[in-house]
Amino acid sequence: MTLLALGGGVLLAVYDLRTDDTGIEVGLLLIASLALAAISPRRWWLVALCVGLPIPLVELASGAVPPAGAFALGFTIAGSLIGFGISRARSAA
């Protein structure tokens, strides 16, 4: 699961370099982190880091403003927490 999350994060980082379509990218970040955290709820925090951390790292390496990439990490943490909550609610029912 970790490799899948990291692969998704790298693909989204490459997508971030090639486009200015922030809305679609935020949606993809949320969907990826939510789905992967729902599948693997024990490691929701690792999913959030693997999906969201490549974007700030790539932006930092390319000389972009670092706070912009930090928002991506925030969205993946939110998506992973939602996925974790969905998984817990599903298992409790």
PDB file of N, CA and C in Angstrom:
ATOM      1  N   MET A   1       0.824  -1.186   0.000  1.00  0.00           N
ATOM      2  CA  MET A   1       0.000   0.000   0.000  1.00  0.00           C
ATOM      3  C   MET A   1       0.875   1.261   0.000  1.00  0.00           C
ATOM      4  N   THR A   2       1.987   1.187   0.703  1.00  0.00           N
ATOM      5  CA  THR A   2       2.876   2.341   0.784  1.00  0.00           C
ATOM      6  C   THR A   2       3.458   2.683  -0.583  1.00  0.00           C
ATOM      7  N   LEU A   3       3.832   1.665  -1.329  1.00  0.00           N
ATOM      8  CA  LEU A   3       4.379   1.917  -2.668  1.00  0.00           C
ATOM      9  C   LEU A   3       3.332   2.510  -3.600  1.00  0.00           C
ATOM     10  N   LEU A   4       2.096   2.066  -3.465  1.00  0.00           N
ATOM     11  CA  LEU A   4       1.016   2.615  -4.284  1.00  0.00           C
ATOM     12  C   LEU A   4       0.778   4.088  -3.936  1.00  0.00           C
ATOM     13  N   ALA A   5       0.786   4.400  -2.643  1.00  0.00           N
ATOM     14  CA  ALA A   5       0.599   5.788  -2.215  1.00  0.00           C
ATOM     15  C   ALA A   5       1.764   6.667  -2.677  1.00  0.00           C
ATOM     16  N   LEU A   6       2.973   6.143  -2.561  1.00  0.00           N
ATOM     17  CA  LEU A   6       4.138   6.906  -2.995  1.00  0.00           C
ATOM     18  C   LEU A   6       4.144   7.105  -4.507  1.00  0.00           C
ATOM     19  N   GLY A   7       3.756   6.078  -5.241  1.00  0.00           N
ATOM     20  CA  GLY A   7       3.648   6.203  -6.695  1.00  0.00           C
ATOM     21  C   GLY A   7       2.613   7.236  -7.102  1.00  0.00           C
ATOM     22  N   GLY A   8       1.474   7.234  -6.407  1.00  0.00           N
ATOM     23  CA  GLY A   8       0.456   8.246  -6.672  1.00  0.00           C
ATOM     24  C   GLY A   8       0.942   9.648  -6.353  1.00  0.00           C
ATOM     25  N   GLY A   9       1.686   9.774  -5.265  1.00  0.00           N
ATOM     26  CA  GLY A   9       2.232  11.081  -4.899  1.00  0.00           C
ATOM     27  C   GLY A   9       3.225  11.599  -5.919  1.00  0.00           C
ATOM     28  N   VAL A  10       4.062  10.714  -6.421  1.00  0.00           N
ATOM     29  CA  VAL A  10       5.041  11.120  -7.442  1.00  0.00           C
ATOM     30  C   VAL A  10       4.332  11.514  -8.732  1.00  0.00           C
ATOM     31  N   LEU A  11       3.323  10.742  -9.132  1.00  0.00           N
ATOM     32  CA  LEU A  11       2.561  11.094 -10.341  1.00  0.00           C
ATOM     33  C   LEU A  11       1.860  12.441 -10.179  1.00  0.00           C
ATOM     34  N   LEU A  12       1.311  12.698  -9.001  1.00  0.00           N
ATOM     35  CA  LEU A  12       0.664  13.988  -8.770  1.00  0.00           C
ATOM     36  C   LEU A  12       1.678  15.126  -8.718  1.00  0.00           C
ATOM     37  N   ALA A  13       2.882  14.861  -8.254  1.00  0.00           N
ATOM     38  CA  ALA A  13       3.926  15.888  -8.260  1.00  0.00           C
ATOM     39  C   ALA A  13       4.330  16.232  -9.691  1.00  0.00           C
ATOM     40  N   VAL A  14       4.436  15.221 -10.551  1.00  0.00           N
ATOM     41  CA  VAL A  14       4.744  15.465 -11.967  1.00  0.00           C
ATOM     42  C   VAL A  14       3.597  16.235 -12.614  1.00  0.00           C
ATOM     43  N   TYR A  15       2.366  15.866 -12.283  1.00  0.00           N
ATOM     44  CA  TYR A  15       1.202  16.582 -12.799  1.00  0.00           C
ATOM     45  C   TYR A  15       1.229  18.047 -12.345  1.00  0.00           C
ATOM     46  N   ASP A  16       1.647  18.275 -11.102  1.00  0.00           N
ATOM     47  CA  ASP A  16       1.705  19.636 -10.568  1.00  0.00           C
ATOM     48  C   ASP A  16       2.702  20.497 -11.332  1.00  0.00           C
ATOM     49  N   LEU A  17       3.797  19.908 -11.768  1.00  0.00           N
ATOM     50  CA  LEU A  17       4.794  20.660 -12.523  1.00  0.00           C
ATOM     51  C   LEU A  17       4.297  21.049 -13.916  1.00  0.00           C
ATOM     52  N   ARG A  18       3.406  20.260 -14.476  1.00  0.00           N
ATOM     53  CA  ARG A  18       2.994  20.453 -15.860  1.00  0.00           C
ATOM     54  C   ARG A  18       1.689  21.221 -16.042  1.00  0.00           C
ATOM     55  N   THR A  19       0.994  21.536 -14.963  1.00  0.00           N
ATOM     56  CA  THR A  19      -0.299  22.188 -15.115  1.00  0.00           C
ATOM     57  C   THR A  19      -0.492  23.283 -14.068  1.00  0.00           C
ATOM     58  N   ASP A  20      -1.451  24.141 -14.349  1.00  0.00           N
ATOM     59  CA  ASP A  20      -1.854  25.169 -13.396  1.00  0.00           C
ATOM     60  C   ASP A  20      -3.288  24.948 -12.925  1.00  0.00           C
ATOM     61  N   ASP A  21      -3.816  23.764 -13.173  1.00  0.00           N
ATOM     62  CA  ASP A  21      -5.196  23.445 -12.832  1.00  0.00           C
ATOM     63  C   ASP A  21      -5.270  22.962 -11.388  1.00  0.00           C
ATOM     64  N   THR A  22      -5.325  23.899 -10.465  1.00  0.00           N
ATOM     65  CA  THR A  22      -5.247  23.587  -9.045  1.00  0.00           C
ATOM     66  C   THR A  22      -6.464  22.826  -8.547  1.00  0.00           C
ATOM     67  N   GLY A  23      -7.634  23.157  -9.049  1.00  0.00           N
ATOM     68  CA  GLY A  23      -8.858  22.498  -8.586  1.00  0.00           C
ATOM     69  C   GLY A  23      -8.860  21.010  -8.857  1.00  0.00           C
ATOM     70  N   ILE A  24      -8.449  20.629 -10.038  1.00  0.00           N
ATOM     71  CA  ILE A  24      -8.394  19.208 -10.373  1.00  0.00           C
ATOM     72  C   ILE A  24      -7.329  18.512  -9.537  1.00  0.00           C
ATOM     73  N   GLU A  25      -6.212  19.164  -9.348  1.00  0.00           N
ATOM     74  CA  GLU A  25      -5.144  18.561  -8.549  1.00  0.00           C
ATOM     75  C   GLU A  25      -5.570  18.360  -7.096  1.00  0.00           C
ATOM     76  N   VAL A  26      -6.260  19.324  -6.522  1.00  0.00           N
ATOM     77  CA  VAL A  26      -6.757  19.184  -5.151  1.00  0.00           C
ATOM     78  C   VAL A  26      -7.747  18.031  -5.074  1.00  0.00           C
ATOM     79  N   GLY A  27      -8.619  17.928  -6.059  1.00  0.00           N
ATOM     80  CA  GLY A  27      -9.559  16.812  -6.094  1.00  0.00           C
ATOM     81  C   GLY A  27      -8.860  15.472  -6.182  1.00  0.00           C
ATOM     82  N   LEU A  28      -7.835  15.385  -7.022  1.00  0.00           N
ATOM     83  CA  LEU A  28      -7.079  14.136  -7.142  1.00  0.00           C
ATOM     84  C   LEU A  28      -6.341  13.800  -5.854  1.00  0.00           C
ATOM     85  N   LEU A  29      -5.799  14.800  -5.184  1.00  0.00           N
ATOM     86  CA  LEU A  29      -5.134  14.573  -3.901  1.00  0.00           C
ATOM     87  C   LEU A  29      -6.107  14.024  -2.864  1.00  0.00           C
ATOM     88  N   LEU A  30      -7.283  14.643  -2.798  1.00  0.00           N
ATOM     89  CA  LEU A  30      -8.284  14.189  -1.832  1.00  0.00           C
ATOM     90  C   LEU A  30      -8.767  12.777  -2.138  1.00  0.00           C
ATOM     91  N   ILE A  31      -9.057  12.514  -3.407  1.00  0.00           N
ATOM     92  CA  ILE A  31      -9.555  11.191  -3.796  1.00  0.00           C
ATOM     93  C   ILE A  31      -8.509  10.113  -3.527  1.00  0.00           C
ATOM     94  N   ALA A  32      -7.269  10.372  -3.908  1.00  0.00           N
ATOM     95  CA  ALA A  32      -6.212   9.378  -3.720  1.00  0.00           C
ATOM     96  C   ALA A  32      -5.978   9.096  -2.242  1.00  0.00           C
ATOM     97  N   SER A  33      -5.854  10.131  -1.446  1.00  0.00           N
ATOM     98  CA  SER A  33      -5.574   9.912  -0.026  1.00  0.00           C
ATOM     99  C   SER A  33      -6.770   9.309   0.695  1.00  0.00           C
ATOM    100  N   LEU A  34      -7.977   9.724   0.342  1.00  0.00           N
ATOM    101  CA  LEU A  34      -9.174   9.173   0.958  1.00  0.00           C
ATOM    102  C   LEU A  34      -9.315   7.694   0.646  1.00  0.00           C
ATOM    103  N   ALA A  35      -9.172   7.334  -0.616  1.00  0.00           N
ATOM    104  CA  ALA A  35      -9.346   5.932  -1.014  1.00  0.00           C
ATOM    105  C   ALA A  35      -8.275   5.032  -0.402  1.00  0.00           C
ATOM    106  N   LEU A  36      -7.039   5.472  -0.434  1.00  0.00           N
ATOM    107  CA  LEU A  36      -5.967   4.636   0.098  1.00  0.00           C
ATOM    108  C   LEU A  36      -6.034   4.522   1.623  1.00  0.00           C
ATOM    109  N   ALA A  37      -6.437   5.578   2.301  1.00  0.00           N
ATOM    110  CA  ALA A  37      -6.580   5.510   3.758  1.00  0.00           C
ATOM    111  C   ALA A  37      -7.788   4.669   4.155  1.00  0.00           C
ATOM    112  N   ALA A  38      -8.828   4.648   3.331  1.00  0.00           N
ATOM    113  CA  ALA A  38      -9.980   3.796   3.619  1.00  0.00           C
ATOM    114  C   ALA A  38      -9.616   2.327   3.463  1.00  0.00           C
ATOM    115  N   ILE A  39      -8.721   2.031   2.545  1.00  0.00           N
ATOM    116  CA  ILE A  39      -8.272   0.653   2.342  1.00  0.00           C
ATOM    117  C   ILE A  39      -7.316   0.236   3.457  1.00  0.00           C
ATOM    118  N   SER A  40      -6.451   1.144   3.878  1.00  0.00           N
ATOM    119  CA  SER A  40      -5.451   0.853   4.909  1.00  0.00           C
ATOM    120  C   SER A  40      -5.560   1.869   6.041  1.00  0.00           C
ATOM    121  N   PRO A  41      -6.593   1.754   6.906  1.00  0.00           N
ATOM    122  CA  PRO A  41      -6.827   2.799   7.910  1.00  0.00           C
ATOM    123  C   PRO A  41      -5.786   2.863   9.022  1.00  0.00           C
ATOM    124  N   ARG A  42      -5.082   1.777   9.290  1.00  0.00           N
ATOM    125  CA  ARG A  42      -4.072   1.817  10.351  1.00  0.00           C
ATOM    126  C   ARG A  42      -2.908   2.737  10.001  1.00  0.00           C
ATOM    127  N   ARG A  43      -2.653   2.896   8.729  1.00  0.00           N
ATOM    128  CA  ARG A  43      -1.527   3.737   8.287  1.00  0.00           C
ATOM    129  C   ARG A  43      -2.002   4.973   7.533  1.00  0.00           C
ATOM    130  N   TRP A  44      -3.063   5.594   8.006  1.00  0.00           N
ATOM    131  CA  TRP A  44      -3.604   6.765   7.326  1.00  0.00           C
ATOM    132  C   TRP A  44      -2.566   7.882   7.259  1.00  0.00           C
ATOM    133  N   TRP A  45      -1.761   8.030   8.301  1.00  0.00           N
ATOM    134  CA  TRP A  45      -0.760   9.090   8.353  1.00  0.00           C
ATOM    135  C   TRP A  45       0.345   8.844   7.325  1.00  0.00           C
ATOM    136  N   LEU A  46       0.704   7.565   7.113  1.00  0.00           N
ATOM    137  CA  LEU A  46       1.727   7.240   6.122  1.00  0.00           C
ATOM    138  C   LEU A  46       1.201   7.476   4.708  1.00  0.00           C
ATOM    139  N   VAL A  47      -0.072   7.166   4.500  1.00  0.00           N
ATOM    140  CA  VAL A  47      -0.705   7.443   3.202  1.00  0.00           C
ATOM    141  C   VAL A  47      -0.670   8.944   2.930  1.00  0.00           C
ATOM    142  N   ALA A  48      -1.018   9.745   3.921  1.00  0.00           N
ATOM    143  CA  ALA A  48      -1.021  11.203   3.750  1.00  0.00           C
ATOM    144  C   ALA A  48       0.367  11.720   3.390  1.00  0.00           C
ATOM    145  N   LEU A  49       1.378  11.222   4.067  1.00  0.00           N
ATOM    146  CA  LEU A  49       2.743  11.668   3.773  1.00  0.00           C
ATOM    147  C   LEU A  49       3.214  11.209   2.398  1.00  0.00           C
ATOM    148  N   CYS A  50       2.924   9.961   2.054  1.00  0.00           N
ATOM    149  CA  CYS A  50       3.400   9.435   0.765  1.00  0.00           C
ATOM    150  C   CYS A  50       2.706  10.100  -0.417  1.00  0.00           C
ATOM    151  N   VAL A  51       1.442  10.445  -0.269  1.00  0.00           N
ATOM    152  CA  VAL A  51       0.720  11.092  -1.373  1.00  0.00           C
ATOM    153  C   VAL A  51       1.032  12.586  -1.425  1.00  0.00           C
ATOM    154  N   GLY A  52       1.121  13.234  -0.279  1.00  0.00           N
ATOM    155  CA  GLY A  52       1.248  14.688  -0.268  1.00  0.00           C
ATOM    156  C   GLY A  52       2.654  15.248  -0.212  1.00  0.00           C
ATOM    157  N   LEU A  53       3.607  14.513   0.301  1.00  0.00           N
ATOM    158  CA  LEU A  53       4.951  15.058   0.481  1.00  0.00           C
ATOM    159  C   LEU A  53       5.753  15.239  -0.809  1.00  0.00           C
ATOM    160  N   PRO A  54       5.571  14.427  -1.844  1.00  0.00           N
ATOM    161  CA  PRO A  54       6.361  14.673  -3.061  1.00  0.00           C
ATOM    162  C   PRO A  54       6.122  16.040  -3.700  1.00  0.00           C
ATOM    163  N   ILE A  55       4.948  16.589  -3.579  1.00  0.00           N
ATOM    164  CA  ILE A  55       4.652  17.875  -4.217  1.00  0.00           C
ATOM    165  C   ILE A  55       5.489  19.007  -3.608  1.00  0.00           C
ATOM    166  N   PRO A  56       5.509  19.190  -2.268  1.00  0.00           N
ATOM    167  CA  PRO A  56       6.371  20.248  -1.736  1.00  0.00           C
ATOM    168  C   PRO A  56       7.854  20.000  -2.000  1.00  0.00           C
ATOM    169  N   LEU A  57       8.271  18.736  -1.999  1.00  0.00           N
ATOM    170  CA  LEU A  57       9.675  18.441  -2.271  1.00  0.00           C
ATOM    171  C   LEU A  57      10.066  18.805  -3.695  1.00  0.00           C
ATOM    172  N   VAL A  58       9.205  18.487  -4.653  1.00  0.00           N
ATOM    173  CA  VAL A  58       9.485  18.819  -6.051  1.00  0.00           C
ATOM    174  C   VAL A  58       9.430  20.331  -6.246  1.00  0.00           C
ATOM    175  N   GLU A  59       8.479  21.002  -5.613  1.00  0.00           N
ATOM    176  CA  GLU A  59       8.407  22.458  -5.730  1.00  0.00           C
ATOM    177  C   GLU A  59       9.619  23.129  -5.093  1.00  0.00           C
ATOM    178  N   LEU A  60      10.080  22.588  -3.985  1.00  0.00           N
ATOM    179  CA  LEU A  60      11.260  23.135  -3.341  1.00  0.00           C
ATOM    180  C   LEU A  60      12.493  22.945  -4.219  1.00  0.00           C
ATOM    181  N   ALA A  61      12.604  21.793  -4.859  1.00  0.00           N
ATOM    182  CA  ALA A  61      13.750  21.522  -5.744  1.00  0.00           C
ATOM    183  C   ALA A  61      13.714  22.392  -6.993  1.00  0.00           C
ATOM    184  N   SER A  62      12.506  22.744  -7.455  1.00  0.00           N
ATOM    185  CA  SER A  62      12.403  23.560  -8.661  1.00  0.00           C
ATOM    186  C   SER A  62      12.470  25.057  -8.368  1.00  0.00           C
ATOM    187  N   GLY A  63      12.534  25.430  -7.099  1.00  0.00           N
ATOM    188  CA  GLY A  63      12.672  26.832  -6.743  1.00  0.00           C
ATOM    189  C   GLY A  63      11.359  27.557  -6.543  1.00  0.00           C
ATOM    190  N   ALA A  64      10.258  26.838  -6.461  1.00  0.00           N
ATOM    191  CA  ALA A  64       8.958  27.478  -6.244  1.00  0.00           C
ATOM    192  C   ALA A  64       8.818  27.873  -4.775  1.00  0.00           C
ATOM    193  N   VAL A  65       7.771  28.609  -4.499  1.00  0.00           N
ATOM    194  CA  VAL A  65       7.503  29.064  -3.140  1.00  0.00           C
ATOM    195  C   VAL A  65       7.059  27.860  -2.303  1.00  0.00           C
ATOM    196  N   PRO A  66       7.778  27.512  -1.238  1.00  0.00           N
ATOM    197  CA  PRO A  66       7.458  26.315  -0.449  1.00  0.00           C
ATOM    198  C   PRO A  66       6.067  26.282   0.172  1.00  0.00           C
ATOM    199  N   PRO A  67       5.485  27.395   0.651  1.00  0.00           N
ATOM    200  CA  PRO A  67       4.166  27.273   1.275  1.00  0.00           C
ATOM    201  C   PRO A  67       3.077  26.745   0.336  1.00  0.00           C
ATOM    202  N   ALA A  68       3.229  26.936  -0.953  1.00  0.00           N
ATOM    203  CA  ALA A  68       2.205  26.436  -1.879  1.00  0.00           C
ATOM    204  C   ALA A  68       2.120  24.918  -1.826  1.00  0.00           C
ATOM    205  N   GLY A  69       3.235  24.243  -1.737  1.00  0.00           N
ATOM    206  CA  GLY A  69       3.237  22.790  -1.649  1.00  0.00           C
ATOM    207  C   GLY A  69       2.746  22.291  -0.307  1.00  0.00           C
ATOM    208  N   ALA A  70       2.860  23.096   0.731  1.00  0.00           N
ATOM    209  CA  ALA A  70       2.381  22.697   2.053  1.00  0.00           C
ATOM    210  C   ALA A  70       0.868  22.552   2.068  1.00  0.00           C
ATOM    211  N   PHE A  71       0.173  23.308   1.235  1.00  0.00           N
ATOM    212  CA  PHE A  71      -1.272  23.152   1.132  1.00  0.00           C
ATOM    213  C   PHE A  71      -1.638  21.772   0.604  1.00  0.00           C
ATOM    214  N   ALA A  72      -0.841  21.252  -0.310  1.00  0.00           N
ATOM    215  CA  ALA A  72      -1.088  19.907  -0.841  1.00  0.00           C
ATOM    216  C   ALA A  72      -1.000  18.876   0.270  1.00  0.00           C
ATOM    217  N   LEU A  73      -0.022  19.017   1.134  1.00  0.00           N
ATOM    218  CA  LEU A  73       0.120  18.097   2.258  1.00  0.00           C
ATOM    219  C   LEU A  73      -1.071  18.220   3.207  1.00  0.00           C
ATOM    220  N   GLY A  74      -1.559  19.418   3.397  1.00  0.00           N
ATOM    221  CA  GLY A  74      -2.745  19.627   4.239  1.00  0.00           C
ATOM    222  C   GLY A  74      -3.978  18.952   3.675  1.00  0.00           C
ATOM    223  N   PHE A  75      -4.159  19.033   2.360  1.00  0.00           N
ATOM    224  CA  PHE A  75      -5.301  18.377   1.734  1.00  0.00           C
ATOM    225  C   PHE A  75      -5.206  16.860   1.832  1.00  0.00           C
ATOM    226  N   THR A  76      -4.004  16.318   1.709  1.00  0.00           N
ATOM    227  CA  THR A  76      -3.871  14.865   1.808  1.00  0.00           C
ATOM    228  C   THR A  76      -4.086  14.385   3.241  1.00  0.00           C
ATOM    229  N   ILE A  77      -3.692  15.177   4.218  1.00  0.00           N
ATOM    230  CA  ILE A  77      -3.971  14.809   5.616  1.00  0.00           C
ATOM    231  C   ILE A  77      -5.473  14.815   5.860  1.00  0.00           C
ATOM    232  N   ALA A  78      -6.159  15.828   5.345  1.00  0.00           N
ATOM    233  CA  ALA A  78      -7.617  15.881   5.497  1.00  0.00           C
ATOM    234  C   ALA A  78      -8.283  14.701   4.795  1.00  0.00           C
ATOM    235  N   GLY A  79      -7.863  14.394   3.582  1.00  0.00           N
ATOM    236  CA  GLY A  79      -8.435  13.267   2.856  1.00  0.00           C
ATOM    237  C   GLY A  79      -8.175  11.949   3.551  1.00  0.00           C
ATOM    238  N   SER A  80      -6.979  11.770   4.095  1.00  0.00           N
ATOM    239  CA  SER A  80      -6.660  10.535   4.803  1.00  0.00           C
ATOM    240  C   SER A  80      -7.477  10.396   6.083  1.00  0.00           C
ATOM    241  N   LEU A  81      -7.684  11.485   6.774  1.00  0.00           N
ATOM    242  CA  LEU A  81      -8.515  11.428   7.974  1.00  0.00           C
ATOM    243  C   LEU A  81      -9.966  11.096   7.636  1.00  0.00           C
ATOM    244  N   ILE A  82     -10.465  11.617   6.542  1.00  0.00           N
ATOM    245  CA  ILE A  82     -11.821  11.282   6.109  1.00  0.00           C
ATOM    246  C   ILE A  82     -11.902   9.804   5.736  1.00  0.00           C
ATOM    247  N   GLY A  83     -10.909   9.301   5.014  1.00  0.00           N
ATOM    248  CA  GLY A  83     -10.869   7.883   4.670  1.00  0.00           C
ATOM    249  C   GLY A  83     -10.783   6.999   5.902  1.00  0.00           C
ATOM    250  N   PHE A  84      -9.988   7.427   6.887  1.00  0.00           N
ATOM    251  CA  PHE A  84      -9.889   6.706   8.153  1.00  0.00           C
ATOM    252  C   PHE A  84     -11.247   6.668   8.851  1.00  0.00           C
ATOM    253  N   GLY A  85     -11.933   7.800   8.879  1.00  0.00           N
ATOM    254  CA  GLY A  85     -13.256   7.867   9.507  1.00  0.00           C
ATOM    255  C   GLY A  85     -14.276   7.001   8.795  1.00  0.00           C
ATOM    256  N   ILE A  86     -14.232   6.978   7.477  1.00  0.00           N
ATOM    257  CA  ILE A  86     -15.157   6.130   6.712  1.00  0.00           C
ATOM    258  C   ILE A  86     -14.892   4.670   7.015  1.00  0.00           C
ATOM    259  N   SER A  87     -13.631   4.290   7.082  1.00  0.00           N
ATOM    260  CA  SER A  87     -13.282   2.902   7.377  1.00  0.00           C
ATOM    261  C   SER A  87     -13.741   2.507   8.777  1.00  0.00           C
ATOM    262  N   ARG A  88     -13.551   3.383   9.745  1.00  0.00           N
ATOM    263  CA  ARG A  88     -13.995   3.093  11.116  1.00  0.00           C
ATOM    264  C   ARG A  88     -15.510   2.997  11.202  1.00  0.00           C
ATOM    265  N   ALA A  89     -16.209   3.877  10.518  1.00  0.00           N
ATOM    266  CA  ALA A  89     -17.670   3.844  10.537  1.00  0.00           C
ATOM    267  C   ALA A  89     -18.199   2.574   9.864  1.00  0.00           C
ATOM    268  N   ARG A  90     -17.537   2.162   8.800  1.00  0.00           N
ATOM    269  CA  ARG A  90     -17.956   0.956   8.095  1.00  0.00           C
ATOM    270  C   ARG A  90     -17.731  -0.285   8.965  1.00  0.00           C
ATOM    271  N   SER A  91     -16.607  -0.335   9.691  1.00  0.00           N
ATOM    272  CA  SER A  91     -16.322  -1.504  10.522  1.00  0.00           C
ATOM    273  C   SER A  91     -17.170  -1.521  11.802  1.00  0.00           C
ATOM    274  N   ALA A  92     -17.600  -0.371  12.264  1.00  0.00           N
ATOM    275  CA  ALA A  92     -18.427  -0.312  13.469  1.00  0.00           C
ATOM    276  C   ALA A  92     -19.871  -0.699  13.195  1.00  0.00           C
ATOM    277  N   ALA A  93     -20.297  -0.538  11.957  1.00  0.00           N
ATOM    278  CA  ALA A  93     -21.708  -0.818  11.629  1.00  0.00           C
ATOM    279  C   ALA A  93     -21.994  -2.263  11.424  1.00  0.00           C
TER     280      ALA A  93
END
